PDB file of N, CA and C in Angstrom:
ATOM      1  N   MET A   1    -108.884 125.983 -82.808  1.00  0.00           N
ATOM      2  CA  MET A   1    -107.907 125.996 -82.011  1.00  0.00           C
ATOM      3  C   MET A   1    -108.122 126.428 -80.596  1.00  0.00           C
ATOM      4  N   TYR A   2    -107.632 125.743 -79.558  1.00  0.00           N
ATOM      5  CA  TYR A   2    -108.031 126.136 -78.327  1.00  0.00           C
ATOM      6  C   TYR A   2    -106.589 125.989 -77.225  1.00  0.00           C
ATOM      7  N   TYR A   3    -106.485 126.771 -76.440  1.00  0.00           N
ATOM      8  CA  TYR A   3    -105.340 126.878 -75.696  1.00  0.00           C
ATOM      9  C   TYR A   3    -106.155 126.835 -74.126  1.00  0.00           C
ATOM     10  N   SER A   4    -105.297 126.061 -73.336  1.00  0.00           N
ATOM     11  CA  SER A   4    -105.788 125.795 -71.913  1.00  0.00           C
ATOM     12  C   SER A   4    -105.098 127.032 -71.233  1.00  0.00           C
ATOM     13  N   TYR A   5    -106.085 127.816 -70.514  1.00  0.00           N
ATOM     14  CA  TYR A   5    -105.585 129.038 -69.970  1.00  0.00           C
ATOM     15  C   TYR A   5    -105.729 128.900 -68.347  1.00  0.00           C
ATOM     16  N   LEU A   6    -105.964 127.726 -67.818  1.00  0.00           N
ATOM     17  CA  LEU A   6    -106.024 127.551 -66.524  1.00  0.00           C
ATOM     18  C   LEU A   6    -104.709 127.664 -65.957  1.00  0.00           C
ATOM     19  N   GLY A   7    -104.729 128.591 -64.703  1.00  0.00           N
ATOM     20  CA  GLY A   7    -103.630 128.914 -63.877  1.00  0.00           C
ATOM     21  C   GLY A   7    -102.562 130.042 -64.733  1.00  0.00           C
ATOM     22  N   MET A   8    -103.101 130.609 -65.739  1.00  0.00           N
ATOM     23  CA  MET A   8    -102.497 131.545 -66.503  1.00  0.00           C
ATOM     24  C   MET A   8    -102.987 133.091 -65.952  1.00  0.00           C
ATOM     25  N   PRO A   9    -101.936 133.914 -65.731  1.00  0.00           N
ATOM     26  CA  PRO A   9    -102.371 135.507 -65.541  1.00  0.00           C
ATOM     27  C   PRO A   9    -103.315 135.835 -66.568  1.00  0.00           C
ATOM     28  N   ARG A  10    -104.335 136.647 -66.089  1.00  0.00           N
ATOM     29  CA  ARG A  10    -105.279 137.199 -67.016  1.00  0.00           C
ATOM     30  C   ARG A  10    -104.663 137.918 -68.176  1.00  0.00           C
ATOM     31  N   GLU A  11    -103.601 138.578 -68.004  1.00  0.00           N
ATOM     32  CA  GLU A  11    -103.036 139.281 -69.165  1.00  0.00           C
ATOM     33  C   GLU A  11    -102.314 138.275 -70.118  1.00  0.00           C
ATOM     34  N   GLU A  12    -101.842 137.344 -69.538  1.00  0.00           N
ATOM     35  CA  GLU A  12    -101.226 136.302 -70.620  1.00  0.00           C
ATOM     36  C   GLU A  12    -102.288 135.520 -71.317  1.00  0.00           C
ATOM     37  N   GLN A  13    -103.355 135.342 -70.707  1.00  0.00           N
ATOM     38  CA  GLN A  13    -104.532 134.798 -71.359  1.00  0.00           C
ATOM     39  C   GLN A  13    -104.941 135.484 -72.512  1.00  0.00           C
ATOM     40  N   LYS A  14    -105.053 136.737 -72.242  1.00  0.00           N
ATOM     41  CA  LYS A  14    -105.287 137.731 -73.372  1.00  0.00           C
ATOM     42  C   LYS A  14    -104.428 137.811 -74.331  1.00  0.00           C
ATOM     43  N   GLN A  15    -103.103 137.751 -74.028  1.00  0.00           N
ATOM     44  CA  GLN A  15    -101.969 137.663 -75.197  1.00  0.00           C
ATOM     45  C   GLN A  15    -102.337 136.298 -75.989  1.00  0.00           C
ATOM     46  N   LYS A  16    -102.360 135.241 -75.468  1.00  0.00           N
ATOM     47  CA  LYS A  16    -102.339 134.128 -75.985  1.00  0.00           C
ATOM     48  C   LYS A  16    -103.580 134.078 -76.940  1.00  0.00           C
ATOM     49  N   ARG A  17    -105.001 134.422 -76.601  1.00  0.00           N
ATOM     50  CA  ARG A  17    -106.010 134.642 -77.470  1.00  0.00           C
ATOM     51  C   ARG A  17    -105.646 135.632 -78.633  1.00  0.00           C
ATOM     52  N   GLU A  18    -105.250 136.535 -78.504  1.00  0.00           N
ATOM     53  CA  GLU A  18    -104.593 137.571 -79.679  1.00  0.00           C
ATOM     54  C   GLU A  18    -103.970 136.718 -80.563  1.00  0.00           C
ATOM     55  N   GLU A  19    -102.884 135.987 -79.982  1.00  0.00           N
ATOM     56  CA  GLU A  19    -102.018 135.151 -80.918  1.00  0.00           C
ATOM     57  C   GLU A  19    -102.750 134.309 -81.661  1.00  0.00           C
ATOM     58  N   GLU A  20    -103.741 133.638 -81.084  1.00  0.00           N
ATOM     59  CA  GLU A  20    -104.558 132.564 -81.558  1.00  0.00           C
ATOM     60  C   GLU A  20    -105.270 133.085 -82.674  1.00  0.00           C
ATOM     61  N   ILE A  21    -105.894 134.168 -82.577  1.00  0.00           N
ATOM     62  CA  ILE A  21    -106.767 134.944 -83.501  1.00  0.00           C
ATOM     63  C   ILE A  21    -105.923 135.437 -84.520  1.00  0.00           C
ATOM     64  N   LEU A  22    -104.585 135.898 -84.540  1.00  0.00           N
ATOM     65  CA  LEU A  22    -103.836 136.260 -85.554  1.00  0.00           C
ATOM     66  C   LEU A  22    -103.451 134.999 -86.337  1.00  0.00           C
ATOM     67  N   SER A  23    -103.148 133.888 -85.606  1.00  0.00           N
ATOM     68  CA  SER A  23    -102.976 132.648 -86.277  1.00  0.00           C
ATOM     69  C   SER A  23    -103.848 132.120 -87.020  1.00  0.00           C
ATOM     70  N   ILE A  24    -105.272 132.244 -86.673  1.00  0.00           N
ATOM     71  CA  ILE A  24    -106.439 131.797 -87.403  1.00  0.00           C
ATOM     72  C   ILE A  24    -106.411 132.706 -88.808  1.00  0.00           C
ATOM     73  N   ILE A  25    -106.347 134.022 -88.774  1.00  0.00           N
ATOM     74  CA  ILE A  25    -106.431 134.768 -89.837  1.00  0.00           C
ATOM     75  C   ILE A  25    -105.153 134.464 -90.755  1.00  0.00           C
ATOM     76  N   ARG A  26    -104.058 134.327 -90.477  1.00  0.00           N
ATOM     77  CA  ARG A  26    -102.859 133.982 -91.271  1.00  0.00           C
ATOM     78  C   ARG A  26    -103.260 132.812 -91.817  1.00  0.00           C
ATOM     79  N   LEU A  27    -103.686 131.583 -90.961  1.00  0.00           N
ATOM     80  CA  LEU A  27    -103.843 130.162 -91.705  1.00  0.00           C
ATOM     81  C   LEU A  27    -104.950 130.279 -92.855  1.00  0.00           C
ATOM     82  N   TYR A  28    -106.027 131.100 -92.491  1.00  0.00           N
ATOM     83  CA  TYR A  28    -107.278 131.041 -93.307  1.00  0.00           C
ATOM     84  C   TYR A  28    -106.664 131.772 -94.704  1.00  0.00           C
ATOM     85  N   TRP A  29    -105.881 132.884 -94.495  1.00  0.00           N
ATOM     86  CA  TRP A  29    -105.503 133.705 -95.670  1.00  0.00           C
ATOM     87  C   TRP A  29    -104.638 132.674 -96.377  1.00  0.00           C
ATOM     88  N   ASN A  30    -103.831 131.739 -95.995  1.00  0.00           N
ATOM     89  CA  ASN A  30    -102.889 131.184 -96.671  1.00  0.00           C
ATOM     90  C   ASN A  30    -103.664 129.843 -97.464  1.00  0.00           C
ATOM     91  N   ILE A  31    -104.714 129.530 -96.785  1.00  0.00           N
ATOM     92  CA  ILE A  31    -105.566 128.548 -97.541  1.00  0.00           C
ATOM     93  C   ILE A  31    -106.475 128.990 -98.628  1.00  0.00           C
ATOM     94  N   TYR A  32    -107.108 130.182 -98.369  1.00  0.00           N
ATOM     95  CA  TYR A  32    -108.226 130.615 -99.244  1.00  0.00           C
ATOM     96  C   TYR A  32    -107.924 131.868-100.059  1.00  0.00           C
ATOM     97  N   ASN A  33    -106.811 132.677 -99.619  1.00  0.00           N
ATOM     98  CA  ASN A  33    -106.295 133.835-100.163  1.00  0.00           C
ATOM     99  C   ASN A  33    -107.172 135.099 -99.809  1.00  0.00           C
ATOM    100  N   TYR A  34    -107.937 135.046 -99.040  1.00  0.00           N
ATOM    101  CA  TYR A  34    -108.634 136.187 -98.474  1.00  0.00           C
ATOM    102  C   TYR A  34    -108.787 135.724 -96.866  1.00  0.00           C
ATOM    103  N   SER A  35    -109.356 136.994 -96.203  1.00  0.00           N
ATOM    104  CA  SER A  35    -109.585 136.719 -94.694  1.00  0.00           C
ATOM    105  C   SER A  35    -110.842 135.923 -94.432  1.00  0.00           C
ATOM    106  N   PRO A  36    -110.804 135.570 -93.161  1.00  0.00           N
ATOM    107  CA  PRO A  36    -112.084 134.977 -92.561  1.00  0.00           C
ATOM    108  C   PRO A  36    -112.958 136.137 -92.231  1.00  0.00           C
ATOM    109  N   THR A  37    -114.244 135.598 -91.988  1.00  0.00           N
ATOM    110  CA  THR A  37    -115.301 136.715 -91.397  1.00  0.00           C
ATOM    111  C   THR A  37    -115.059 136.397 -90.072  1.00  0.00           C
ATOM    112  N   VAL A  38    -115.839 137.513 -89.300  1.00  0.00           N
ATOM    113  CA  VAL A  38    -115.787 137.630 -87.795  1.00  0.00           C
ATOM    114  C   VAL A  38    -116.438 136.185 -87.430  1.00  0.00           C
ATOM    115  N   ARG A  39    -117.458 135.702 -87.873  1.00  0.00           N
ATOM    116  CA  ARG A  39    -118.303 134.840 -87.476  1.00  0.00           C
ATOM    117  C   ARG A  39    -117.160 133.385 -87.655  1.00  0.00           C
ATOM    118  N   GLU A  40    -116.412 133.272 -88.749  1.00  0.00           N
ATOM    119  CA  GLU A  40    -115.661 132.373 -88.973  1.00  0.00           C
ATOM    120  C   GLU A  40    -114.591 132.190 -87.901  1.00  0.00           C
ATOM    121  N   ILE A  41    -114.011 133.101 -87.559  1.00  0.00           N
ATOM    122  CA  ILE A  41    -112.991 133.389 -86.540  1.00  0.00           C
ATOM    123  C   ILE A  41    -113.785 133.118 -85.219  1.00  0.00           C
ATOM    124  N   THR A  42    -114.662 133.329 -84.895  1.00  0.00           N
ATOM    125  CA  THR A  42    -115.444 132.763 -83.640  1.00  0.00           C
ATOM    126  C   THR A  42    -115.534 131.542 -83.584  1.00  0.00           C
ATOM    127  N   GLU A  43    -115.946 130.746 -84.752  1.00  0.00           N
ATOM    128  CA  GLU A  43    -116.142 129.475 -84.546  1.00  0.00           C
ATOM    129  C   GLU A  43    -114.685 128.669 -84.559  1.00  0.00           C
ATOM    130  N   MET A  44    -113.819 129.150 -85.348  1.00  0.00           N
ATOM    131  CA  MET A  44    -112.369 128.434 -85.170  1.00  0.00           C
ATOM    132  C   MET A  44    -111.692 128.761 -83.937  1.00  0.00           C
ATOM    133  N   ALA A  45    -111.957 129.801 -83.222  1.00  0.00           N
ATOM    134  CA  ALA A  45    -111.387 130.197 -82.121  1.00  0.00           C
ATOM    135  C   ALA A  45    -112.286 129.332 -81.004  1.00  0.00           C
ATOM    136  N   SER A  46    -113.234 128.887 -81.054  1.00  0.00           N
ATOM    137  CA  SER A  46    -114.175 128.136 -80.069  1.00  0.00           C
ATOM    138  C   SER A  46    -114.670 129.409 -79.202  1.00  0.00           C
ATOM    139  N   VAL A  47    -114.981 130.551 -79.631  1.00  0.00           N
ATOM    140  CA  VAL A  47    -115.529 131.557 -78.909  1.00  0.00           C
ATOM    141  C   VAL A  47    -116.876 131.688 -78.942  1.00  0.00           C
ATOM    142  N   THR A  48    -117.609 131.994 -78.014  1.00  0.00           N
ATOM    143  CA  THR A  48    -119.062 131.834 -78.040  1.00  0.00           C
ATOM    144  C   THR A  48    -119.760 133.134 -78.636  1.00  0.00           C
ATOM    145  N   SER A  49    -118.948 134.132 -78.702  1.00  0.00           N
ATOM    146  CA  SER A  49    -119.474 135.389 -78.938  1.00  0.00           C
ATOM    147  C   SER A  49    -118.666 136.393 -80.160  1.00  0.00           C
ATOM    148  N   THR A  50    -119.341 136.682 -81.074  1.00  0.00           N
ATOM    149  CA  THR A  50    -118.686 137.449 -82.094  1.00  0.00           C
ATOM    150  C   THR A  50    -118.169 138.834 -81.477  1.00  0.00           C
ATOM    151  N   SER A  51    -118.997 139.326 -80.341  1.00  0.00           N
ATOM    152  CA  SER A  51    -118.251 140.493 -79.803  1.00  0.00           C
ATOM    153  C   SER A  51    -117.032 140.267 -79.075  1.00  0.00           C
ATOM    154  N   THR A  52    -116.783 139.114 -78.652  1.00  0.00           N
ATOM    155  CA  THR A  52    -115.266 138.700 -77.962  1.00  0.00           C
ATOM    156  C   THR A  52    -114.404 138.948 -79.148  1.00  0.00           C
ATOM    157  N   VAL A  53    -114.644 138.381 -80.312  1.00  0.00           N
ATOM    158  CA  VAL A  53    -113.600 138.381 -81.327  1.00  0.00           C
ATOM    159  C   VAL A  53    -113.466 139.909 -81.878  1.00  0.00           C
ATOM    160  N   LEU A  54    -114.591 140.570 -81.951  1.00  0.00           N
ATOM    161  CA  LEU A  54    -114.494 142.094 -82.440  1.00  0.00           C
ATOM    162  C   LEU A  54    -113.621 142.766 -81.397  1.00  0.00           C
ATOM    163  N   LYS A  55    -113.640 142.667 -80.150  1.00  0.00           N
ATOM    164  CA  LYS A  55    -112.801 143.001 -79.015  1.00  0.00           C
ATOM    165  C   LYS A  55    -111.386 142.780 -79.208  1.00  0.00           C
ATOM    166  N   TYR A  56    -110.899 141.584 -79.710  1.00  0.00           N
ATOM    167  CA  TYR A  56    -109.781 141.093 -79.847  1.00  0.00           C
ATOM    168  C   TYR A  56    -109.211 141.598 -81.252  1.00  0.00           C
ATOM    169  N   LEU A  57    -110.194 141.814 -82.291  1.00  0.00           N
ATOM    170  CA  LEU A  57    -109.758 142.575 -83.566  1.00  0.00           C
ATOM    171  C   LEU A  57    -109.353 143.994 -83.127  1.00  0.00           C
ATOM    172  N   ASN A  58    -110.299 144.634 -82.654  1.00  0.00           N
ATOM    173  CA  ASN A  58    -109.884 146.110 -82.360  1.00  0.00           C
ATOM    174  C   ASN A  58    -108.599 146.231 -81.380  1.00  0.00           C
ATOM    175  N   LYS A  59    -108.217 145.364 -80.521  1.00  0.00           N
ATOM    176  CA  LYS A  59    -107.035 145.472 -79.841  1.00  0.00           C
ATOM    177  C   LYS A  59    -105.880 145.173 -80.589  1.00  0.00           C
ATOM    178  N   LEU A  60    -106.041 144.206 -81.623  1.00  0.00           N
ATOM    179  CA  LEU A  60    -104.977 143.758 -82.430  1.00  0.00           C
ATOM    180  C   LEU A  60    -104.716 144.820 -83.640  1.00  0.00           C
ATOM    181  N   GLN A  61    -105.732 145.697 -83.850  1.00  0.00           N
ATOM    182  CA  GLN A  61    -105.636 146.895 -84.793  1.00  0.00           C
ATOM    183  C   GLN A  61    -104.862 147.916 -84.098  1.00  0.00           C
ATOM    184  N   GLU A  62    -105.208 148.200 -82.689  1.00  0.00           N
ATOM    185  CA  GLU A  62    -104.732 149.190 -81.940  1.00  0.00           C
ATOM    186  C   GLU A  62    -103.166 148.994 -81.705  1.00  0.00           C
ATOM    187  N   LYS A  63    -102.581 147.678 -81.807  1.00  0.00           N
ATOM    188  CA  LYS A  63    -101.259 147.189 -81.539  1.00  0.00           C
ATOM    189  C   LYS A  63    -100.661 147.514 -82.927  1.00  0.00           C
ATOM    190  N   GLY A  64    -101.256 147.739 -84.086  1.00  0.00           N
ATOM    191  CA  GLY A  64    -100.746 147.868 -85.411  1.00  0.00           C
ATOM    192  C   GLY A  64    -100.546 146.377 -85.994  1.00  0.00           C
ATOM    193  N   MET A  65    -101.077 145.300 -85.579  1.00  0.00           N
ATOM    194  CA  MET A  65    -100.923 143.943 -85.912  1.00  0.00           C
ATOM    195  C   MET A  65    -101.788 143.778 -87.285  1.00  0.00           C
ATOM    196  N   ILE A  66    -102.949 144.402 -87.399  1.00  0.00           N
ATOM    197  CA  ILE A  66    -104.018 144.082 -88.354  1.00  0.00           C
ATOM    198  C   ILE A  66    -104.613 145.493 -88.780  1.00  0.00           C
ATOM    199  N   ASP A  67    -105.019 145.306 -90.060  1.00  0.00           N
ATOM    200  CA  ASP A  67    -105.838 146.404 -90.512  1.00  0.00           C
ATOM    201  C   ASP A  67    -107.202 145.883 -91.007  1.00  0.00           C
ATOM    202  N   TRP A  68    -108.320 146.605 -90.496  1.00  0.00           N
ATOM    203  CA  TRP A  68    -109.469 145.991 -91.003  1.00  0.00           C
ATOM    204  C   TRP A  68    -110.401 147.260 -90.575  1.00  0.00           C
ATOM    205  N   LYS A  69    -111.709 146.964 -91.399  1.00  0.00           N
ATOM    206  CA  LYS A  69    -112.914 147.812 -90.952  1.00  0.00           C
ATOM    207  C   LYS A  69    -114.032 146.881 -90.626  1.00  0.00           C
ATOM    208  N   GLU A  70    -114.745 147.207 -89.656  1.00  0.00           N
ATOM    209  CA  GLU A  70    -115.650 146.236 -88.839  1.00  0.00           C
ATOM    210  C   GLU A  70    -116.875 146.047 -89.868  1.00  0.00           C
ATOM    211  N   LYS A  71    -117.231 146.882 -90.766  1.00  0.00           N
ATOM    212  CA  LYS A  71    -118.392 146.508 -91.639  1.00  0.00           C
ATOM    213  C   LYS A  71    -118.037 145.874 -93.067  1.00  0.00           C
ATOM    214  N   ALA A  72    -116.733 145.699 -93.024  1.00  0.00           N
ATOM    215  CA  ALA A  72    -116.291 145.361 -94.469  1.00  0.00           C
ATOM    216  C   ALA A  72    -115.856 143.834 -94.299  1.00  0.00           C
ATOM    217  N   PRO A  73    -116.815 142.892 -94.587  1.00  0.00           N
ATOM    218  CA  PRO A  73    -116.322 141.421 -94.428  1.00  0.00           C
ATOM    219  C   PRO A  73    -115.135 140.768 -95.227  1.00  0.00           C
ATOM    220  N   ARG A  74    -114.169 140.287 -94.721  1.00  0.00           N
ATOM    221  CA  ARG A  74    -113.161 139.434 -95.557  1.00  0.00           C
ATOM    222  C   ARG A  74    -112.188 140.669 -95.801  1.00  0.00           C
ATOM    223  N   GLN A  75    -111.990 141.635 -95.096  1.00  0.00           N
ATOM    224  CA  GLN A  75    -111.167 142.513 -95.250  1.00  0.00           C
ATOM    225  C   GLN A  75    -110.021 142.966 -94.205  1.00  0.00           C
ATOM    226  N   ILE A  76    -109.876 141.766 -93.357  1.00  0.00           N
ATOM    227  CA  ILE A  76    -108.824 141.863 -92.440  1.00  0.00           C
ATOM    228  C   ILE A  76    -107.535 141.614 -93.086  1.00  0.00           C
ATOM    229  N   GLN A  77    -106.401 142.505 -92.760  1.00  0.00           N
ATOM    230  CA  GLN A  77    -104.830 142.358 -93.498  1.00  0.00           C
ATOM    231  C   GLN A  77    -103.997 142.401 -92.226  1.00  0.00           C
ATOM    232  N   ILE A  78    -103.312 141.426 -92.322  1.00  0.00           N
ATOM    233  CA  ILE A  78    -102.321 141.181 -91.198  1.00  0.00           C
ATOM    234  C   ILE A  78    -101.037 142.297 -91.626  1.00  0.00           C
ATOM    235  N   ILE A  79    -100.594 143.175 -90.736  1.00  0.00           N
ATOM    236  CA  ILE A  79     -99.442 143.893 -90.996  1.00  0.00           C
ATOM    237  C   ILE A  79     -98.267 143.285 -90.665  1.00  0.00           C
ATOM    238  N   GLU A  80     -97.443 142.909 -91.728  1.00  0.00           N
ATOM    239  CA  GLU A  80     -96.276 142.248 -91.245  1.00  0.00           C
ATOM    240  C   GLU A  80     -95.327 143.324 -91.014  1.00  0.00           C
ATOM    241  N   LYS A  81     -94.552 143.036 -89.780  1.00  0.00           N
ATOM    242  CA  LYS A  81     -93.475 144.064 -89.450  1.00  0.00           C
ATOM    243  C   LYS A  81     -92.362 143.647 -90.109  1.00  0.00           C
ATOM    244  N   GLU A  82     -91.346 144.537 -90.559  1.00  0.00           N
ATOM    245  CA  GLU A  82     -89.998 144.210 -91.060  1.00  0.00           C
ATOM    246  C   GLU A  82     -88.986 144.116 -89.987  1.00  0.00           C
ATOM    247  N   THR A  83     -88.247 143.163 -89.958  1.00  0.00           N
ATOM    248  CA  THR A  83     -87.127 142.856 -89.025  1.00  0.00           C
ATOM    249  C   THR A  83     -86.006 143.662 -89.658  1.00  0.00           C
ATOM    250  N   ALA A  84     -85.284 144.266 -88.688  1.00  0.00           N
ATOM    251  CA  ALA A  84     -83.958 144.939 -89.227  1.00  0.00           C
ATOM    252  C   ALA A  84     -82.763 143.957 -88.996  1.00  0.00           C
TER     253      ALA A  84
END
């Protein structure tokens, strides 16, 4: 997946990349019934560095959107928020 970020404010670029990574995790989970590795997310998001993906995963965890442990492969879980 790839989004064209040209002309977009930096905060919006970051938010779009977070959404993209979350979508990759959700899609992968729906296909394989387990989460992708950080390296697989890196490849699917067309990112050149796993550390970049780790940064986004940490940010998603801070926001309460996923639960994961860095040293546990395939253990990323999306936290679904209930709508009222």
